Amino acid sequence: TRLMEAFHRHLLISKSGAITKAEALRQASIEMMRDPQYRSQPFYWAGFVLIGDGL
């Protein structure tokens, strides 16, 4: 999905580990919320949660 693409892109941008998995998911979700095409359809981004260590 587009959310997972954004999530992994945010992780790759910060190869040094300066960004946590939880923060990458948060940034990807915000990116989806800002896009008018997806904002009105939370089905595409709202159902994803991080399980385990978000670091």
N, C-alpha and C. Protein backbone atom coordinates (compact mmCIF):
# COMPACT_ATOMS: atom_id res chain seq x y z
N THR A 1 0.84 -1.19 0.00
CA THR A 1 0.00 0.00 0.00
C THR A 1 0.88 1.25 0.00
N ARG A 2 0.25 2.34 -0.27
CA ARG A 2 1.00 3.61 -0.31
C ARG A 2 1.54 3.96 1.08
N LEU A 3 0.80 3.62 2.11
CA LEU A 3 1.27 3.90 3.47
C LEU A 3 2.57 3.13 3.76
N MET A 4 2.62 1.87 3.39
CA MET A 4 3.82 1.07 3.63
C MET A 4 5.00 1.58 2.81
N GLU A 5 4.73 2.05 1.60
CA GLU A 5 5.80 2.65 0.79
C GLU A 5 6.36 3.88 1.50
N ALA A 6 5.47 4.72 2.01
CA ALA A 6 5.90 5.93 2.73
C ALA A 6 6.65 5.55 4.01
N PHE A 7 6.16 4.55 4.71
CA PHE A 7 6.79 4.09 5.95
C PHE A 7 8.24 3.67 5.68
N HIS A 8 8.43 2.83 4.67
CA HIS A 8 9.78 2.36 4.37
C HIS A 8 10.66 3.47 3.80
N ARG A 9 10.08 4.38 3.07
CA ARG A 9 10.85 5.52 2.56
C ARG A 9 11.39 6.35 3.73
N HIS A 10 10.55 6.59 4.74
CA HIS A 10 10.99 7.35 5.90
C HIS A 10 12.10 6.61 6.66
N LEU A 11 12.00 5.29 6.73
CA LEU A 11 13.06 4.52 7.39
C LEU A 11 14.37 4.61 6.60
N LEU A 12 14.28 4.53 5.28
CA LEU A 12 15.49 4.59 4.45
C LEU A 12 16.15 5.95 4.48
N ILE A 13 15.35 6.99 4.58
CA ILE A 13 15.90 8.35 4.63
C ILE A 13 16.82 8.48 5.83
N SER A 14 16.46 7.84 6.91
CA SER A 14 17.23 7.93 8.14
C SER A 14 18.02 6.64 8.37
N LYS A 15 18.96 6.36 7.52
CA LYS A 15 19.76 5.14 7.64
C LYS A 15 20.57 5.10 8.93
N SER A 16 20.84 6.26 9.49
CA SER A 16 21.65 6.31 10.71
C SER A 16 20.89 5.83 11.94
N GLY A 17 19.60 5.55 11.79
CA GLY A 17 18.81 5.11 12.93
C GLY A 17 18.28 6.24 13.77
N ALA A 18 18.35 7.45 13.23
CA ALA A 18 17.88 8.62 13.98
C ALA A 18 16.36 8.65 14.09
N ILE A 19 15.68 7.87 13.29
CA ILE A 19 14.22 7.82 13.32
C ILE A 19 13.79 6.42 13.75
N THR A 20 12.84 6.35 14.65
CA THR A 20 12.34 5.05 15.10
C THR A 20 11.28 4.54 14.13
N LYS A 21 10.96 3.27 14.24
CA LYS A 21 9.90 2.70 13.41
C LYS A 21 8.57 3.37 13.71
N ALA A 22 8.34 3.67 15.00
CA ALA A 22 7.10 4.33 15.39
C ALA A 22 7.01 5.72 14.75
N GLU A 23 8.11 6.44 14.74
CA GLU A 23 8.13 7.78 14.14
C GLU A 23 7.95 7.70 12.63
N ALA A 24 8.55 6.70 12.00
CA ALA A 24 8.39 6.52 10.56
C ALA A 24 6.93 6.25 10.21
N LEU A 25 6.25 5.43 11.02
CA LEU A 25 4.84 5.15 10.79
C LEU A 25 4.00 6.39 11.02
N ARG A 26 4.34 7.16 12.04
CA ARG A 26 3.62 8.41 12.31
C ARG A 26 3.76 9.38 11.13
N GLN A 27 4.97 9.53 10.63
CA GLN A 27 5.20 10.44 9.52
C GLN A 27 4.48 9.97 8.25
N ALA A 28 4.48 8.67 8.02
CA ALA A 28 3.78 8.13 6.86
C ALA A 28 2.27 8.35 6.98
N SER A 29 1.73 8.17 8.18
CA SER A 29 0.29 8.40 8.41
C SER A 29 -0.06 9.86 8.18
N ILE A 30 0.77 10.76 8.67
CA ILE A 30 0.52 12.19 8.47
C ILE A 30 0.57 12.53 6.99
N GLU A 31 1.51 11.92 6.29
CA GLU A 31 1.61 12.13 4.84
C GLU A 31 0.31 11.72 4.15
N MET A 32 -0.26 10.60 4.57
CA MET A 32 -1.52 10.14 3.98
C MET A 32 -2.67 11.07 4.33
N MET A 33 -2.69 11.56 5.57
CA MET A 33 -3.76 12.46 6.00
C MET A 33 -3.72 13.78 5.25
N ARG A 34 -2.55 14.20 4.85
CA ARG A 34 -2.42 15.47 4.13
C ARG A 34 -2.79 15.35 2.66
N ASP A 35 -2.82 14.14 2.15
CA ASP A 35 -3.16 13.92 0.74
C ASP A 35 -4.68 13.86 0.60
N PRO A 36 -5.28 14.80 -0.13
CA PRO A 36 -6.75 14.83 -0.25
C PRO A 36 -7.34 13.53 -0.79
N GLN A 37 -6.58 12.82 -1.60
CA GLN A 37 -7.07 11.57 -2.18
C GLN A 37 -7.29 10.50 -1.11
N TYR A 38 -6.48 10.50 -0.05
CA TYR A 38 -6.56 9.46 0.97
C TYR A 38 -7.15 9.93 2.29
N ARG A 39 -7.12 11.23 2.54
CA ARG A 39 -7.58 11.77 3.82
C ARG A 39 -9.01 11.35 4.12
N SER A 40 -9.87 11.39 3.12
CA SER A 40 -11.27 11.06 3.35
C SER A 40 -11.51 9.55 3.41
N GLN A 41 -10.46 8.76 3.19
CA GLN A 41 -10.60 7.31 3.20
C GLN A 41 -9.59 6.68 4.16
N PRO A 42 -9.83 6.78 5.46
CA PRO A 42 -8.88 6.24 6.44
C PRO A 42 -8.70 4.73 6.32
N PHE A 43 -9.55 4.09 5.56
CA PHE A 43 -9.41 2.66 5.29
C PHE A 43 -7.98 2.34 4.82
N TYR A 44 -7.38 3.25 4.09
CA TYR A 44 -6.06 3.01 3.50
C TYR A 44 -4.90 3.20 4.47
N TRP A 45 -5.10 3.92 5.58
CA TRP A 45 -3.97 4.22 6.44
C TRP A 45 -4.24 4.07 7.94
N ALA A 46 -5.48 4.06 8.38
CA ALA A 46 -5.77 4.10 9.82
C ALA A 46 -5.63 2.74 10.52
N GLY A 47 -5.65 1.67 9.79
CA GLY A 47 -5.65 0.35 10.41
C GLY A 47 -4.28 -0.20 10.77
N PHE A 48 -3.23 0.54 10.52
CA PHE A 48 -1.88 0.04 10.76
C PHE A 48 -1.37 0.48 12.12
N VAL A 49 -0.86 -0.48 12.88
CA VAL A 49 -0.25 -0.20 14.19
C VAL A 49 1.06 -0.97 14.27
N LEU A 50 1.95 -0.48 15.08
CA LEU A 50 3.23 -1.14 15.29
C LEU A 50 3.10 -2.08 16.49
N ILE A 51 3.55 -3.31 16.33
CA ILE A 51 3.52 -4.29 17.41
C ILE A 51 4.96 -4.54 17.85
N GLY A 52 5.18 -4.55 19.14
CA GLY A 52 6.52 -4.82 19.64
C GLY A 52 7.32 -3.55 19.87
N ASP A 53 8.62 -3.69 19.77
CA ASP A 53 9.53 -2.57 20.03
C ASP A 53 9.52 -1.62 18.84
N GLY A 54 9.06 -0.41 19.07
CA GLY A 54 8.98 0.58 18.00
C GLY A 54 10.29 1.30 17.75
N LEU A 55 11.36 0.81 18.35
CA LEU A 55 12.65 1.49 18.19
C LEU A 55 13.43 1.01 17.03
